[in-house]
Amino acid sequence: MQINTPEEFFEKILPERFDSGKAKGIDATIQVKITGANAGEWIVKIHNERLAVEKGTHPSPTITVCMSDTDYLSMLNGQLNVEKAFFSGKIKFEGDMMLALRLRNIGIL
């Protein structure tokens, strides 16, 4: 399935893709900041192996993920891997870096 916009991903696809079994032990608030033509900010909360997503900003997230819309969509659609994005500066993390490694496993990256 081709993902066309970050908004489509956060509102429709992520809730279906989320694997609660892989979220065991994660209690986090993830702030996602997307720049570009399809810019937006979303708050992704994981607590007790449950997912909640809302549009907006959180005053003190556990981790913040920043990326352009085109790079984020490339990553979600399998054309860009997280490691390459990180080492090339296309994705930036602020906060708990150990959590950043787990985000891919639970379907956010």
Protein backbone atom coordinates (compact mmCIF):
# COMPACT_ATOMS: atom_id res chain seq x y z
CA MET A 1 0.00 0.00 0.00
CA GLN A 2 1.43 3.33 -1.08
CA ILE A 3 1.25 6.06 1.58
CA ASN A 4 0.61 9.46 -0.02
CA THR A 5 0.67 11.95 2.86
CA PRO A 6 1.85 12.02 6.48
CA GLU A 7 -1.72 12.83 7.53
CA GLU A 8 -3.02 9.69 5.80
CA PHE A 9 -0.36 7.67 7.62
CA PHE A 10 -1.12 9.02 11.10
CA GLU A 11 -4.90 9.00 10.79
CA LYS A 12 -5.54 5.76 8.86
CA ILE A 13 -2.50 3.56 8.41
CA LEU A 14 -0.58 3.77 11.69
CA PRO A 15 -3.53 2.62 13.83
CA GLU A 16 -3.84 -0.46 11.58
CA ARG A 17 -0.08 -1.07 11.28
CA PHE A 18 0.64 -0.66 15.01
CA ASP A 19 1.82 -3.93 16.54
CA SER A 20 0.88 -3.83 20.23
CA GLY A 21 2.96 -6.92 20.98
CA LYS A 22 6.11 -5.08 19.92
CA ALA A 23 5.16 -2.11 22.12
CA LYS A 24 5.48 -4.09 25.33
CA GLY A 25 7.35 -2.06 27.92
CA ILE A 26 7.13 1.21 25.98
CA ASP A 27 5.53 4.12 27.79
CA ALA A 28 6.27 7.16 25.64
CA THR A 29 5.01 10.30 24.02
CA ILE A 30 6.47 10.81 20.55
CA GLN A 31 6.29 14.21 18.89
CA VAL A 32 6.55 13.95 15.11
CA LYS A 33 7.32 17.14 13.18
CA ILE A 34 7.00 16.92 9.41
CA THR A 35 8.10 19.82 7.20
CA GLY A 36 7.37 20.57 3.55
CA ALA A 37 4.24 20.80 1.41
CA ASN A 38 2.42 18.21 3.57
CA ALA A 39 3.75 19.57 6.87
CA GLY A 40 2.16 18.80 10.20
CA GLU A 41 2.80 17.84 13.78
CA TRP A 42 1.43 14.75 15.49
CA ILE A 43 1.56 13.35 18.99
CA VAL A 44 1.84 9.58 19.21
CA LYS A 45 1.29 8.14 22.68
CA ILE A 46 2.08 4.56 23.56
CA HIS A 47 0.96 3.35 26.96
CA ASN A 48 0.02 -0.16 28.15
CA GLU A 49 0.59 -1.49 24.60
CA ARG A 50 -2.04 0.92 23.24
CA LEU A 51 -1.66 3.63 20.67
CA ALA A 52 -3.23 7.09 20.59
CA VAL A 53 -2.55 9.59 17.81
CA GLU A 54 -3.59 13.22 17.67
CA LYS A 55 -2.63 16.25 15.67
CA GLY A 56 -0.74 18.95 17.57
CA THR A 57 2.27 19.50 19.80
CA HIS A 58 3.15 18.15 23.21
CA PRO A 59 4.99 20.32 25.78
CA SER A 60 7.36 17.57 26.95
CA PRO A 61 7.55 14.52 24.68
CA THR A 62 9.79 11.55 25.43
CA ILE A 63 11.28 11.91 21.95
CA THR A 64 10.85 14.25 18.99
CA VAL A 65 11.26 13.06 15.41
CA CYS A 66 11.84 15.70 12.71
CA MET A 67 11.81 14.97 8.98
CA SER A 68 10.68 16.42 5.65
CA ASP A 69 7.45 15.09 4.18
CA THR A 70 9.14 13.67 1.08
CA ASP A 71 11.81 11.82 3.10
CA TYR A 72 9.25 10.56 5.62
CA LEU A 73 7.03 9.19 2.86
CA SER A 74 10.05 7.58 1.18
CA MET A 75 10.89 5.90 4.46
CA LEU A 76 7.32 4.74 5.11
CA ASN A 77 7.05 3.38 1.57
CA GLY A 78 10.30 1.40 1.89
CA GLN A 79 12.46 3.52 -0.41
CA LEU A 80 14.65 4.95 2.39
CA ASN A 81 15.78 3.08 5.48
CA VAL A 82 15.95 4.69 8.91
CA GLU A 83 19.69 4.18 9.34
CA LYS A 84 20.53 5.82 6.01
CA ALA A 85 18.13 8.67 6.79
CA PHE A 86 19.76 9.20 10.19
CA PHE A 87 23.35 9.14 8.99
CA SER A 88 22.57 11.43 6.05
CA GLY A 89 20.82 13.95 8.33
CA LYS A 90 17.37 13.41 6.80
CA ILE A 91 15.85 12.41 10.13
CA LYS A 92 16.62 14.02 13.45
CA PHE A 93 15.82 12.77 16.93
CA GLU A 94 15.72 14.75 20.16
CA GLY A 95 15.36 12.84 23.41
CA ASP A 96 15.52 9.15 24.25
CA MET A 97 17.70 7.60 21.52
CA MET A 98 17.09 4.06 22.77
CA LEU A 99 13.40 4.64 22.11
CA ALA A 100 14.24 5.83 18.59
CA LEU A 101 15.62 2.38 17.84
CA ARG A 102 12.32 0.77 18.89
CA LEU A 103 10.03 3.07 16.89
CA ARG A 104 10.70 1.23 13.65
CA ASN A 105 9.72 -2.10 15.21
CA ILE A 106 6.32 -0.81 16.27
CA GLY A 107 5.44 0.72 12.91
CA ILE A 108 6.03 4.45 13.41
CA LEU A 109 9.16 4.65 11.25
